[in-house]
C-alpha atoms as a PDB file:
ATOM      1  CA  MET A   1     -11.401 -23.517 -36.718  1.00  0.00           C
ATOM      2  CA  LYS A   2     -12.367 -19.871 -36.388  1.00  0.00           C
ATOM      3  CA  SER A   3     -11.895 -18.370 -32.936  1.00  0.00           C
ATOM      4  CA  SER A   4     -15.096 -17.474 -31.114  1.00  0.00           C
ATOM      5  CA  VAL A   5     -13.438 -14.335 -29.761  1.00  0.00           C
ATOM      6  CA  PRO A   6     -14.498 -11.347 -31.932  1.00  0.00           C
ATOM      7  CA  ASN A   7     -11.686  -9.323 -33.485  1.00  0.00           C
ATOM      8  CA  LEU A   8     -11.276  -6.038 -35.331  1.00  0.00           C
ATOM      9  CA  ASP A   9     -12.121  -7.696 -38.676  1.00  0.00           C
ATOM     10  CA  ASP A  10     -15.504  -8.862 -37.388  1.00  0.00           C
ATOM     11  CA  VAL A  11     -16.468  -5.368 -36.235  1.00  0.00           C
ATOM     12  CA  ALA A  12     -15.262  -3.782 -39.493  1.00  0.00           C
ATOM     13  CA  LYS A  13     -17.179  -6.269 -41.714  1.00  0.00           C
ATOM     14  CA  GLN A  14     -20.471  -5.861 -39.866  1.00  0.00           C
ATOM     15  CA  ALA A  15     -20.110  -2.071 -39.784  1.00  0.00           C
ATOM     16  CA  GLY A  16     -19.126  -1.873 -43.452  1.00  0.00           C
ATOM     17  CA  VAL A  17     -15.988   0.181 -42.783  1.00  0.00           C
ATOM     18  CA  SER A  18     -12.239  -0.422 -42.758  1.00  0.00           C
ATOM     19  CA  LYS A  19     -10.264  -1.834 -39.808  1.00  0.00           C
ATOM     20  CA  SER A  20      -8.380   1.450 -39.444  1.00  0.00           C
ATOM     21  CA  THR A  21     -11.677   3.344 -39.143  1.00  0.00           C
ATOM     22  CA  VAL A  22     -12.863   0.966 -36.409  1.00  0.00           C
ATOM     23  CA  SER A  23      -9.538   1.320 -34.604  1.00  0.00           C
ATOM     24  CA  ARG A  24      -9.641   5.120 -34.671  1.00  0.00           C
ATOM     25  CA  ILE A  25     -13.246   5.236 -33.460  1.00  0.00           C
ATOM     26  CA  LEU A  26     -12.737   2.743 -30.622  1.00  0.00           C
ATOM     27  CA  ASN A  27      -9.510   4.428 -29.496  1.00  0.00           C
ATOM     28  CA  ASN A  28     -11.068   7.897 -29.791  1.00  0.00           C
ATOM     29  CA  ARG A  29      -8.377   9.014 -32.245  1.00  0.00           C
ATOM     30  CA  LEU A  30     -10.488  11.164 -34.530  1.00  0.00           C
ATOM     31  CA  GLY A  31      -9.197  14.504 -35.769  1.00  0.00           C
ATOM     32  CA  ASN A  32      -5.890  15.433 -37.440  1.00  0.00           C
ATOM     33  CA  GLY A  33      -7.572  15.281 -40.848  1.00  0.00           C
ATOM     34  CA  PHE A  34      -9.605  12.152 -40.092  1.00  0.00           C
ATOM     35  CA  SER A  35     -13.331  12.323 -39.428  1.00  0.00           C
ATOM     36  CA  VAL A  36     -16.409  10.130 -39.738  1.00  0.00           C
ATOM     37  CA  LYS A  37     -20.100  10.832 -39.696  1.00  0.00           C
ATOM     38  CA  GLU A  38     -21.735  10.504 -36.297  1.00  0.00           C
ATOM     39  CA  GLU A  39     -24.017   7.839 -37.777  1.00  0.00           C
ATOM     40  CA  VAL A  40     -20.968   5.702 -38.684  1.00  0.00           C
ATOM     41  CA  ARG A  41     -19.346   6.229 -35.287  1.00  0.00           C
ATOM     42  CA  GLN A  42     -22.496   5.146 -33.475  1.00  0.00           C
ATOM     43  CA  ARG A  43     -22.867   2.099 -35.742  1.00  0.00           C
ATOM     44  CA  VAL A  44     -19.331   0.959 -35.006  1.00  0.00           C
ATOM     45  CA  LEU A  45     -19.775   1.438 -31.250  1.00  0.00           C
ATOM     46  CA  LYS A  46     -23.059  -0.500 -31.206  1.00  0.00           C
ATOM     47  CA  ILE A  47     -21.647  -3.404 -33.216  1.00  0.00           C
ATOM     48  CA  ALA A  48     -18.546  -3.572 -31.011  1.00  0.00           C
ATOM     49  CA  MET A  49     -20.796  -3.678 -27.955  1.00  0.00           C
ATOM     50  CA  LYS A  50     -23.073  -6.296 -29.533  1.00  0.00           C
ATOM     51  CA  LEU A  51     -20.111  -8.539 -30.362  1.00  0.00           C
ATOM     52  CA  ASN A  52     -18.556  -7.885 -26.948  1.00  0.00           C
ATOM     53  CA  TYR A  53     -15.349  -6.882 -28.723  1.00  0.00           C
ATOM     54  CA  ARG A  54     -12.310  -6.259 -26.515  1.00  0.00           C
ATOM     55  CA  PRO A  55      -9.067  -4.888 -27.981  1.00  0.00           C
ATOM     56  CA  ASN A  56      -5.883  -6.911 -27.595  1.00  0.00           C
ATOM     57  CA  LEU A  57      -4.085  -5.053 -24.828  1.00  0.00           C
ATOM     58  CA  ILE A  58      -0.583  -6.164 -25.821  1.00  0.00           C
ATOM     59  CA  ALA A  59      -1.113  -5.403 -29.521  1.00  0.00           C
ATOM     60  CA  LYS A  60      -2.608  -2.033 -28.624  1.00  0.00           C
ATOM     61  CA  SER A  61       0.368  -1.121 -26.468  1.00  0.00           C
ATOM     62  CA  LEU A  62       2.759  -1.860 -29.336  1.00  0.00           C
ATOM     63  CA  THR A  63       1.068   0.638 -31.659  1.00  0.00           C
ATOM     64  CA  MET A  64       0.142   3.471 -29.303  1.00  0.00           C
ATOM     65  CA  ARG A  65       2.521   5.937 -27.668  1.00  0.00           C
ATOM     66  CA  SER A  66       0.289   6.251 -24.597  1.00  0.00           C
ATOM     67  CA  THR A  67      -1.644   3.244 -23.325  1.00  0.00           C
ATOM     68  CA  ARG A  68      -3.450   4.980 -20.420  1.00  0.00           C
ATOM     69  CA  MET A  69      -2.289   2.083 -18.247  1.00  0.00           C
ATOM     70  CA  ILE A  70      -0.882   2.368 -14.721  1.00  0.00           C
ATOM     71  CA  HIS A  71       0.571  -0.799 -13.205  1.00  0.00           C
ATOM     72  CA  ILE A  72       0.896  -1.575  -9.485  1.00  0.00           C
ATOM     73  CA  PHE A  73       3.847  -3.776  -8.538  1.00  0.00           C
ATOM     74  CA  GLY A  74       4.139  -5.748  -5.309  1.00  0.00           C
ATOM     75  CA  GLY A  75       0.539  -6.856  -4.855  1.00  0.00           C
ATOM     76  CA  ASN A  76       1.501 -10.354  -3.778  1.00  0.00           C
ATOM     77  CA  HIS A  77       3.455  -9.364  -0.676  1.00  0.00           C
ATOM     78  CA  ALA A  78       1.575  -6.135   0.067  1.00  0.00           C
ATOM     79  CA  LEU A  79      -2.071  -7.097  -0.406  1.00  0.00           C
ATOM     80  CA  SER A  80      -2.106 -10.726   0.712  1.00  0.00           C
ATOM     81  CA  GLU A  81      -2.687  -9.964   4.420  1.00  0.00           C
ATOM     82  CA  LEU A  82      -6.230  -8.853   5.216  1.00  0.00           C
ATOM     83  CA  GLY A  83      -6.609  -5.448   6.786  1.00  0.00           C
ATOM     84  CA  ASN A  84      -3.115  -4.129   6.108  1.00  0.00           C
ATOM     85  CA  ILE A  85      -2.398  -0.540   5.148  1.00  0.00           C
ATOM     86  CA  TYR A  86      -1.804  -1.209   1.436  1.00  0.00           C
ATOM     87  CA  GLN A  87      -5.466  -1.954   0.780  1.00  0.00           C
ATOM     88  CA  THR A  88      -6.299   1.552   2.020  1.00  0.00           C
ATOM     89  CA  VAL A  89      -3.381   2.935  -0.017  1.00  0.00           C
ATOM     90  CA  VAL A  90      -4.576   1.333  -3.261  1.00  0.00           C
ATOM     91  CA  ASN A  91      -8.217   2.298  -2.703  1.00  0.00           C
ATOM     92  CA  ASN A  92      -7.349   5.959  -2.241  1.00  0.00           C
ATOM     93  CA  LEU A  93      -4.790   5.960  -5.042  1.00  0.00           C
ATOM     94  CA  THR A  94      -7.323   4.657  -7.567  1.00  0.00           C
ATOM     95  CA  GLN A  95      -9.989   7.061  -6.294  1.00  0.00           C
ATOM     96  CA  VAL A  96      -7.711  10.000  -7.113  1.00  0.00           C
ATOM     97  CA  ILE A  97      -6.925   8.611 -10.574  1.00  0.00           C
ATOM     98  CA  ASP A  98     -10.588   7.858 -11.351  1.00  0.00           C
ATOM     99  CA  SER A  99     -11.786  11.242 -10.075  1.00  0.00           C
ATOM    100  CA  LEU A 100      -9.776  13.068 -12.742  1.00  0.00           C
ATOM    101  CA  PHE A 101     -11.682  11.293 -15.548  1.00  0.00           C
ATOM    102  CA  GLU A 102      -8.542  10.899 -17.650  1.00  0.00           C
ATOM    103  CA  GLY A 103      -9.298   7.340 -18.728  1.00  0.00           C
ATOM    104  CA  TYR A 104      -6.460   5.538 -16.958  1.00  0.00           C
ATOM    105  CA  ASP A 105      -6.842   1.829 -16.251  1.00  0.00           C
ATOM    106  CA  VAL A 106      -5.031   0.419 -13.210  1.00  0.00           C
ATOM    107  CA  THR A 107      -3.703  -3.139 -13.107  1.00  0.00           C
ATOM    108  CA  VAL A 108      -2.282  -4.920 -10.037  1.00  0.00           C
ATOM    109  CA  ASP A 109       0.360  -7.643 -10.160  1.00  0.00           C
ATOM    110  CA  MET A 110      -0.593 -10.353  -7.648  1.00  0.00           C
ATOM    111  CA  SER A 111       1.897 -12.931  -8.944  1.00  0.00           C
ATOM    112  CA  ARG A 112       4.744 -14.318  -6.872  1.00  0.00           C
ATOM    113  CA  HIS A 113       8.119 -13.446  -8.435  1.00  0.00           C
ATOM    114  CA  THR A 114      11.670 -14.469  -7.665  1.00  0.00           C
ATOM    115  CA  ASN A 115      14.345 -11.781  -7.522  1.00  0.00           C
ATOM    116  CA  ASP A 116      16.084 -12.998 -10.681  1.00  0.00           C
ATOM    117  CA  ILE A 117      13.189 -12.371 -13.095  1.00  0.00           C
ATOM    118  CA  SER A 118      11.515  -9.224 -14.353  1.00  0.00           C
ATOM    119  CA  GLU A 119       8.150  -8.216 -12.921  1.00  0.00           C
ATOM    120  CA  MET A 120       7.310  -6.001 -15.910  1.00  0.00           C
ATOM    121  CA  PRO A 121       3.918  -6.750 -17.521  1.00  0.00           C
ATOM    122  CA  ALA A 122       3.735  -7.918 -21.130  1.00  0.00           C
ATOM    123  CA  TRP A 123       2.027  -4.679 -22.162  1.00  0.00           C
ATOM    124  CA  LYS A 124       3.348  -1.142 -22.264  1.00  0.00           C
ATOM    125  CA  ILE A 125       2.508   1.074 -19.270  1.00  0.00           C
ATOM    126  CA  ASP A 126       2.452   4.835 -18.737  1.00  0.00           C
ATOM    127  CA  GLY A 127       3.305   4.758 -15.043  1.00  0.00           C
ATOM    128  CA  ALA A 128       4.160   2.463 -12.144  1.00  0.00           C
ATOM    129  CA  ILE A 129       3.265   2.299  -8.461  1.00  0.00           C
ATOM    130  CA  ILE A 130       5.499   0.089  -6.321  1.00  0.00           C
ATOM    131  CA  LEU A 131       4.078  -1.140  -3.007  1.00  0.00           C
ATOM    132  CA  ALA A 132       7.058  -1.288  -0.628  1.00  0.00           C
ATOM    133  CA  LYS A 133       9.423  -3.098  -2.993  1.00  0.00           C
ATOM    134  CA  CYS A 134      10.082  -4.902  -6.235  1.00  0.00           C
ATOM    135  CA  SER A 135      13.196  -6.616  -7.584  1.00  0.00           C
ATOM    136  CA  GLN A 136      16.246  -4.537  -8.466  1.00  0.00           C
ATOM    137  CA  LEU A 137      16.000  -5.935 -11.992  1.00  0.00           C
ATOM    138  CA  THR A 138      12.496  -4.480 -12.304  1.00  0.00           C
ATOM    139  CA  ILE A 139      13.558  -1.093 -10.923  1.00  0.00           C
ATOM    140  CA  ASP A 140      16.414  -0.991 -13.437  1.00  0.00           C
ATOM    141  CA  GLU A 141      14.031  -1.778 -16.310  1.00  0.00           C
ATOM    142  CA  ILE A 142      11.547   0.881 -15.223  1.00  0.00           C
ATOM    143  CA  SER A 143      14.336   3.473 -15.047  1.00  0.00           C
ATOM    144  CA  GLN A 144      15.897   2.470 -18.380  1.00  0.00           C
ATOM    145  CA  MET A 145      12.518   2.671 -20.128  1.00  0.00           C
ATOM    146  CA  GLY A 146      11.853   6.116 -18.633  1.00  0.00           C
ATOM    147  CA  ILE A 147       8.579   5.025 -17.005  1.00  0.00           C
ATOM    148  CA  PRO A 148       7.396   7.410 -14.260  1.00  0.00           C
ATOM    149  CA  TYR A 149       7.113   5.638 -10.915  1.00  0.00           C
ATOM    150  CA  VAL A 150       6.406   6.177  -7.222  1.00  0.00           C
ATOM    151  CA  ILE A 151       7.448   3.848  -4.408  1.00  0.00           C
ATOM    152  CA  ILE A 152       5.044   3.712  -1.461  1.00  0.00           C
ATOM    153  CA  ASN A 153       6.390   2.880   2.010  1.00  0.00           C
ATOM    154  CA  GLY A 154       9.690   1.515   0.754  1.00  0.00           C
ATOM    155  CA  ALA A 155      13.314   2.317  -0.082  1.00  0.00           C
ATOM    156  CA  CYS A 156      13.713   4.384  -3.239  1.00  0.00           C
ATOM    157  CA  PRO A 157      16.644   5.285  -5.513  1.00  0.00           C
ATOM    158  CA  LYS A 158      17.848   8.862  -5.086  1.00  0.00           C
ATOM    159  CA  GLU A 159      16.572   9.842  -8.538  1.00  0.00           C
ATOM    160  CA  GLY A 160      13.071   8.397  -7.996  1.00  0.00           C
ATOM    161  CA  CYS A 161       9.888   9.491  -6.224  1.00  0.00           C
ATOM    162  CA  SER A 162       8.538   8.035  -2.988  1.00  0.00           C
ATOM    163  CA  VAL A 163       6.130   8.626  -0.135  1.00  0.00           C
ATOM    164  CA  VAL A 164       6.713   6.953   3.248  1.00  0.00           C
ATOM    165  CA  PRO A 165       5.508   7.322   6.852  1.00  0.00           C
ATOM    166  CA  ASN A 166       7.965   8.390   9.554  1.00  0.00           C
ATOM    167  CA  ASP A 167       8.185   5.268  11.731  1.00  0.00           C
ATOM    168  CA  VAL A 168      10.921   6.720  13.929  1.00  0.00           C
ATOM    169  CA  GLU A 169       8.765   9.708  14.810  1.00  0.00           C
ATOM    170  CA  GLY A 170       5.707   7.487  15.275  1.00  0.00           C
ATOM    171  CA  THR A 171       7.531   5.230  17.734  1.00  0.00           C
ATOM    172  CA  ARG A 172       8.690   8.247  19.744  1.00  0.00           C
ATOM    173  CA  ILE A 173       5.108   9.514  19.905  1.00  0.00           C
ATOM    174  CA  ALA A 174       3.910   6.101  21.107  1.00  0.00           C
ATOM    175  CA  ILE A 175       6.499   5.802  23.890  1.00  0.00           C
ATOM    176  CA  ARG A 176       5.947   9.404  25.030  1.00  0.00           C
ATOM    177  CA  HIS A 177       2.199   8.797  25.197  1.00  0.00           C
ATOM    178  CA  LEU A 178       2.628   5.758  27.440  1.00  0.00           C
ATOM    179  CA  ILE A 179       5.177   7.519  29.639  1.00  0.00           C
ATOM    180  CA  ASP A 180       2.864  10.532  29.979  1.00  0.00           C
ATOM    181  CA  LEU A 181       0.214   8.122  31.261  1.00  0.00           C
ATOM    182  CA  GLY A 182       2.613   7.066  34.023  1.00  0.00           C
ATOM    183  CA  HIS A 183       3.936   3.839  32.544  1.00  0.00           C
ATOM    184  CA  SER A 184       7.624   2.994  32.909  1.00  0.00           C
ATOM    185  CA  LYS A 185       7.573  -0.776  32.374  1.00  0.00           C
ATOM    186  CA  ILE A 186       6.711  -0.704  28.682  1.00  0.00           C
ATOM    187  CA  ALA A 187       7.240  -3.897  26.688  1.00  0.00           C
ATOM    188  CA  TYR A 188       7.792  -4.153  22.936  1.00  0.00           C
ATOM    189  CA  CYS A 189       6.010  -6.882  20.976  1.00  0.00           C
ATOM    190  CA  GLY A 190       7.354  -7.452  17.499  1.00  0.00           C
ATOM    191  CA  PRO A 191      10.310  -8.851  15.564  1.00  0.00           C
ATOM    192  CA  LEU A 192      13.518  -8.563  17.599  1.00  0.00           C
ATOM    193  CA  ALA A 193      17.178  -8.521  16.614  1.00  0.00           C
ATOM    194  CA  PRO A 194      18.578 -10.266  14.658  1.00  0.00           C
ATOM    195  CA  TYR A 195      15.292 -10.781  12.745  1.00  0.00           C
ATOM    196  CA  LEU A 196      15.065  -7.248  11.381  1.00  0.00           C
ATOM    197  CA  GLU A 197      15.817  -7.824   7.704  1.00  0.00           C
ATOM    198  CA  GLY A 198      13.201  -6.796   5.177  1.00  0.00           C
ATOM    199  CA  HIS A 199      11.082  -3.692   5.580  1.00  0.00           C
ATOM    200  CA  SER A 200      12.674  -0.646   7.215  1.00  0.00           C
ATOM    201  CA  SER A 201       9.861  -0.394   9.774  1.00  0.00           C
ATOM    202  CA  LEU A 202      11.108  -3.567  11.494  1.00  0.00           C
ATOM    203  CA  LYS A 203      14.382  -1.909  12.409  1.00  0.00           C
ATOM    204  CA  ASP A 204      13.066   1.640  12.855  1.00  0.00           C
ATOM    205  CA  ARG A 205      10.369   0.741  15.384  1.00  0.00           C
ATOM    206  CA  TYR A 206      12.511  -1.703  17.374  1.00  0.00           C
ATOM    207  CA  GLU A 207      15.626   0.475  17.607  1.00  0.00           C
ATOM    208  CA  THR A 208      13.653   3.650  18.349  1.00  0.00           C
ATOM    209  CA  TYR A 209      11.802   1.842  21.136  1.00  0.00           C
ATOM    210  CA  LEU A 210      15.143   0.856  22.694  1.00  0.00           C
ATOM    211  CA  SER A 211      16.658   4.335  22.389  1.00  0.00           C
ATOM    212  CA  GLU A 212      13.572   6.156  23.729  1.00  0.00           C
ATOM    213  CA  MET A 213      13.243   3.867  26.733  1.00  0.00           C
ATOM    214  CA  ARG A 214      16.920   4.265  27.640  1.00  0.00           C
ATOM    215  CA  LYS A 215      16.814   7.992  27.009  1.00  0.00           C
ATOM    216  CA  CYS A 216      14.054   8.266  29.609  1.00  0.00           C
ATOM    217  CA  GLY A 217      15.973   6.087  32.073  1.00  0.00           C
ATOM    218  CA  PHE A 218      13.733   3.027  31.713  1.00  0.00           C
ATOM    219  CA  GLU A 219      14.836  -0.532  31.030  1.00  0.00           C
ATOM    220  CA  PRO A 220      13.446  -2.024  27.790  1.00  0.00           C
ATOM    221  CA  VAL A 221      11.244  -5.089  28.272  1.00  0.00           C
ATOM    222  CA  LEU A 222      11.609  -7.608  25.472  1.00  0.00           C
ATOM    223  CA  GLY A 223       9.961 -10.998  25.217  1.00  0.00           C
ATOM    224  CA  SER A 224       9.986 -13.748  22.646  1.00  0.00           C
ATOM    225  CA  HIS A 225       8.485 -12.731  19.295  1.00  0.00           C
ATOM    226  CA  GLU A 226       4.688 -12.886  19.588  1.00  0.00           C
ATOM    227  CA  THR A 227       2.601 -15.011  17.221  1.00  0.00           C
ATOM    228  CA  GLN A 228      -1.035 -15.980  17.453  1.00  0.00           C
ATOM    229  CA  ASP A 229      -0.102 -19.173  19.270  1.00  0.00           C
ATOM    230  CA  SER A 230       2.391 -17.544  21.635  1.00  0.00           C
ATOM    231  CA  ALA A 231       0.508 -14.377  22.661  1.00  0.00           C
ATOM    232  CA  GLU A 232      -0.462 -15.914  25.990  1.00  0.00           C
ATOM    233  CA  ASN A 233       3.145 -16.896  26.694  1.00  0.00           C
ATOM    234  CA  PHE A 234       4.262 -13.383  25.816  1.00  0.00           C
ATOM    235  CA  LEU A 235       1.829 -11.856  28.332  1.00  0.00           C
ATOM    236  CA  LYS A 236       2.826 -14.365  31.000  1.00  0.00           C
ATOM    237  CA  GLU A 237       6.465 -13.459  30.438  1.00  0.00           C
ATOM    238  CA  VAL A 238       6.335  -9.653  30.257  1.00  0.00           C
ATOM    239  CA  VAL A 239       3.180  -8.830  32.265  1.00  0.00           C
ATOM    240  CA  LEU A 240       2.614 -11.500  34.878  1.00  0.00           C
ATOM    241  CA  ALA A 241       6.285 -12.360  35.493  1.00  0.00           C
ATOM    242  CA  ARG A 242       7.998  -9.006  34.892  1.00  0.00           C
ATOM    243  CA  GLY A 243       5.276  -6.526  35.779  1.00  0.00           C
ATOM    244  CA  SER A 244       4.907  -4.604  32.520  1.00  0.00           C
ATOM    245  CA  THR A 245       1.896  -2.282  32.510  1.00  0.00           C
ATOM    246  CA  ALA A 246       1.966  -1.293  28.812  1.00  0.00           C
ATOM    247  CA  ILE A 247       2.863  -2.876  25.476  1.00  0.00           C
ATOM    248  CA  LEU A 248       3.765  -1.308  22.152  1.00  0.00           C
ATOM    249  CA  SER A 249       2.884  -3.790  19.385  1.00  0.00           C
ATOM    250  CA  TYR A 250       4.511  -3.696  15.945  1.00  0.00           C
ATOM    251  CA  GLY A 251       1.174  -4.115  14.158  1.00  0.00           C
ATOM    252  CA  HIS A 252      -2.555  -4.356  14.747  1.00  0.00           C
ATOM    253  CA  MET A 253      -2.808  -8.098  14.104  1.00  0.00           C
ATOM    254  CA  GLY A 254      -0.290  -8.734  16.871  1.00  0.00           C
ATOM    255  CA  ALA A 255      -2.198  -6.340  19.120  1.00  0.00           C
ATOM    256  CA  LEU A 256      -5.458  -8.179  18.460  1.00  0.00           C
ATOM    257  CA  ASN A 257      -3.790 -11.475  19.407  1.00  0.00           C
ATOM    258  CA  LEU A 258      -2.564  -9.876  22.626  1.00  0.00           C
ATOM    259  CA  MET A 259      -5.998  -8.502  23.427  1.00  0.00           C
ATOM    260  CA  GLN A 260      -7.563 -11.935  22.975  1.00  0.00           C
ATOM    261  CA  ALA A 261      -4.841 -13.521  25.120  1.00  0.00           C
ATOM    262  CA  ALA A 262      -5.336 -10.874  27.827  1.00  0.00           C
ATOM    263  CA  HIS A 263      -9.020 -11.757  27.967  1.00  0.00           C
ATOM    264  CA  THR A 264      -8.148 -15.454  28.352  1.00  0.00           C
ATOM    265  CA  LEU A 265      -5.696 -14.653  31.170  1.00  0.00           C
ATOM    266  CA  ASP A 266      -8.167 -12.304  32.881  1.00  0.00           C
ATOM    267  CA  ILE A 267      -5.894  -9.284  32.336  1.00  0.00           C
ATOM    268  CA  SER A 268      -8.067  -6.192  31.924  1.00  0.00           C
ATOM    269  CA  VAL A 269      -7.278  -3.826  29.005  1.00  0.00           C
ATOM    270  CA  PRO A 270      -6.729  -0.947  29.697  1.00  0.00           C
ATOM    271  CA  ASP A 271      -7.185  -1.073  33.495  1.00  0.00           C
ATOM    272  CA  GLN A 272      -4.326  -3.491  34.070  1.00  0.00           C
ATOM    273  CA  LEU A 273      -2.562  -3.294  30.723  1.00  0.00           C
ATOM    274  CA  SER A 274      -2.362  -0.463  28.193  1.00  0.00           C
ATOM    275  CA  LEU A 275      -1.980  -1.597  24.591  1.00  0.00           C
ATOM    276  CA  LEU A 276      -0.873   0.536  21.644  1.00  0.00           C
ATOM    277  CA  CYS A 277       0.015  -0.464  18.085  1.00  0.00           C
ATOM    278  CA  PHE A 278       0.791   0.795  14.579  1.00  0.00           C
ATOM    279  CA  CYS A 279      -2.258   0.700  12.332  1.00  0.00           C
ATOM    280  CA  ASP A 280      -4.431   2.767  10.009  1.00  0.00           C
ATOM    281  CA  GLU A 281      -7.868   4.308  10.430  1.00  0.00           C
ATOM    282  CA  TYR A 282      -9.652   1.848   8.158  1.00  0.00           C
ATOM    283  CA  ALA A 283      -8.380  -1.320   9.857  1.00  0.00           C
ATOM    284  CA  ASN A 284      -9.064   0.122  13.304  1.00  0.00           C
ATOM    285  CA  ARG A 285     -12.602   1.117  12.425  1.00  0.00           C
ATOM    286  CA  VAL A 286     -13.838  -2.481  12.445  1.00  0.00           C
ATOM    287  CA  MET A 287     -12.210  -3.459  15.759  1.00  0.00           C
ATOM    288  CA  SER A 288     -13.961  -3.637  19.094  1.00  0.00           C
ATOM    289  CA  PRO A 289     -12.775  -2.367  21.451  1.00  0.00           C
ATOM    290  CA  GLY A 290     -10.963   0.192  19.342  1.00  0.00           C
ATOM    291  CA  LEU A 291      -7.182   0.048  19.691  1.00  0.00           C
ATOM    292  CA  THR A 292      -5.236   3.191  20.493  1.00  0.00           C
ATOM    293  CA  PHE A 293      -2.851   3.393  17.561  1.00  0.00           C
ATOM    294  CA  ILE A 294      -0.186   5.281  15.669  1.00  0.00           C
ATOM    295  CA  ASP A 295      -1.784   6.237  12.354  1.00  0.00           C
ATOM    296  CA  LEU A 296       0.450   5.321   9.393  1.00  0.00           C
ATOM    297  CA  CYS A 297      -1.438   7.776   7.125  1.00  0.00           C
ATOM    298  CA  SER A 298      -2.187   5.125   4.482  1.00  0.00           C
ATOM    299  CA  GLU A 299      -5.053   7.150   2.994  1.00  0.00           C
ATOM    300  CA  LYS A 300      -2.780  10.161   2.578  1.00  0.00           C
ATOM    301  CA  MET A 301       0.017   7.997   1.176  1.00  0.00           C
ATOM    302  CA  GLY A 302      -2.251   6.692  -1.575  1.00  0.00           C
ATOM    303  CA  LYS A 303      -3.523  10.124  -2.571  1.00  0.00           C
ATOM    304  CA  ILE A 304      -0.069  11.729  -2.616  1.00  0.00           C
ATOM    305  CA  ALA A 305       1.394   8.820  -4.592  1.00  0.00           C
ATOM    306  CA  ALA A 306      -1.316   9.207  -7.253  1.00  0.00           C
ATOM    307  CA  GLU A 307      -0.672  12.948  -7.503  1.00  0.00           C
ATOM    308  CA  LEU A 308       3.102  12.437  -7.756  1.00  0.00           C
ATOM    309  CA  LEU A 309       2.711   9.840 -10.502  1.00  0.00           C
ATOM    310  CA  LEU A 310       0.222  11.833 -12.578  1.00  0.00           C
ATOM    311  CA  ASP A 311       2.443  14.918 -12.306  1.00  0.00           C
ATOM    312  CA  GLN A 312       5.338  12.908 -13.741  1.00  0.00           C
ATOM    313  CA  ILE A 313       3.169  11.524 -16.563  1.00  0.00           C
ATOM    314  CA  HIS A 314       1.831  14.968 -17.502  1.00  0.00           C
ATOM    315  CA  ASN A 315       5.162  16.804 -17.168  1.00  0.00           C
ATOM    316  CA  PRO A 316       7.834  14.312 -18.272  1.00  0.00           C
ATOM    317  CA  ASN A 317      10.478  16.974 -18.870  1.00  0.00           C
ATOM    318  CA  LYS A 318       9.913  18.974 -15.680  1.00  0.00           C
ATOM    319  CA  THR A 319       9.629  16.382 -12.926  1.00  0.00           C
ATOM    320  CA  LYS A 320      12.340  16.001 -10.305  1.00  0.00           C
ATOM    321  CA  ALA A 321      13.089  13.398  -7.681  1.00  0.00           C
ATOM    322  CA  ARG A 322      10.812  13.804  -4.679  1.00  0.00           C
ATOM    323  CA  HIS A 323      10.846  11.912  -1.393  1.00  0.00           C
ATOM    324  CA  ILE A 324       7.930  12.777   0.862  1.00  0.00           C
ATOM    325  CA  VAL A 325       7.958  11.672   4.506  1.00  0.00           C
ATOM    326  CA  LEU A 326       4.585  11.810   6.269  1.00  0.00           C
ATOM    327  CA  SER A 327       4.288  12.503   9.982  1.00  0.00           C
ATOM    328  CA  GLU A 328       2.522   9.758  11.904  1.00  0.00           C
ATOM    329  CA  LYS A 329       0.023  10.683  14.599  1.00  0.00           C
ATOM    330  CA  LEU A 330      -1.476   9.242  17.756  1.00  0.00           C
ATOM    331  CA  VAL A 331      -5.163   8.289  17.608  1.00  0.00           C
ATOM    332  CA  MET A 332      -6.773   7.694  20.989  1.00  0.00           C
ATOM    333  CA  ARG A 333      -9.196   4.800  21.340  1.00  0.00           C
ATOM    334  CA  ASN A 334      -9.975   2.486  24.257  1.00  0.00           C
ATOM    335  CA  THR A 335      -6.838   0.470  25.024  1.00  0.00           C
ATOM    336  CA  THR A 336      -4.555   2.942  26.837  1.00  0.00           C
ATOM    337  CA  ALA A 337      -5.182   4.537  30.236  1.00  0.00           C
ATOM    338  CA  PRO A 338      -3.261   6.228  33.080  1.00  0.00           C
ATOM    339  CA  LEU A 339      -1.314   3.894  35.337  1.00  0.00           C
ATOM    340  CA  ALA A 340      -3.380   5.112  38.311  1.00  0.00           C
ATOM    341  CA  ARG A 341      -6.370   3.172  36.991  1.00  0.00           C
ATOM    342  CA  ARG A 342      -4.667  -0.008  38.160  1.00  0.00           C
END
């Protein structure tokens, strides 16, 4: 039984031309001694549109040196949580690619993979963006195949390209801000040792908090790891029982849970409790009241990653390893205030 999906033969027969002519027209590969009349080109394009013809991506990638395809790895772990920084990263990355009108298509892998299998797509790609991480097997394949790549907010081989925010610097800025407001009993809400495996930010933020507090002569205040269900218990432990007047939260979702719990416990933010977290401008924009936050520069990360990748694609013999570290910054909103306001 004949497939209902139109193929190259169908377009060629209706247009009255050869398959190779259809292929060249649809892939915009005219020139180099090959030309067709504009009337023929328009006829082929109209028939392809009428039949809703779509080229076989895998077959196309086997015959063409450049596929104009950029693949994003790590979508499952990076994009599954609503409001995280990677959604802003991807939006700005694709905006840069689209704005150059170079005809690149961007695909995102949202599948769940185990570490012992390859994450490479079935089709050939011209470049790769890795959100935080992918398996070592996949990294090895990308390197062996000579595919340009950029890792965003994750560990990168010395010979690769990456762009990451400076979480150590951001944590220092956060603690200094709270101390400048007069706070000395500053609690940390986030994963604690020994649960620091995974992303580097877990360890960087926690250990920098400890070192900055001790450097300033203040005792760190640590409670049990906060979840949505335990936010009230966390506040009872570190605020009501131990007198903390400020909290640095690992992320904005944790901070939102704390803000809701504070309202339930009749703890006024920021009059009784200052609250600061790590976040990005987009996620914070939809919150009310607006959280004071350390900006992770996700918009900038996406734009720089796109520029780094396109530079590698366009200049394959001139590109060098580049590791860009972006400075984080404090953005004042409505959840931190001087201690005197108590």
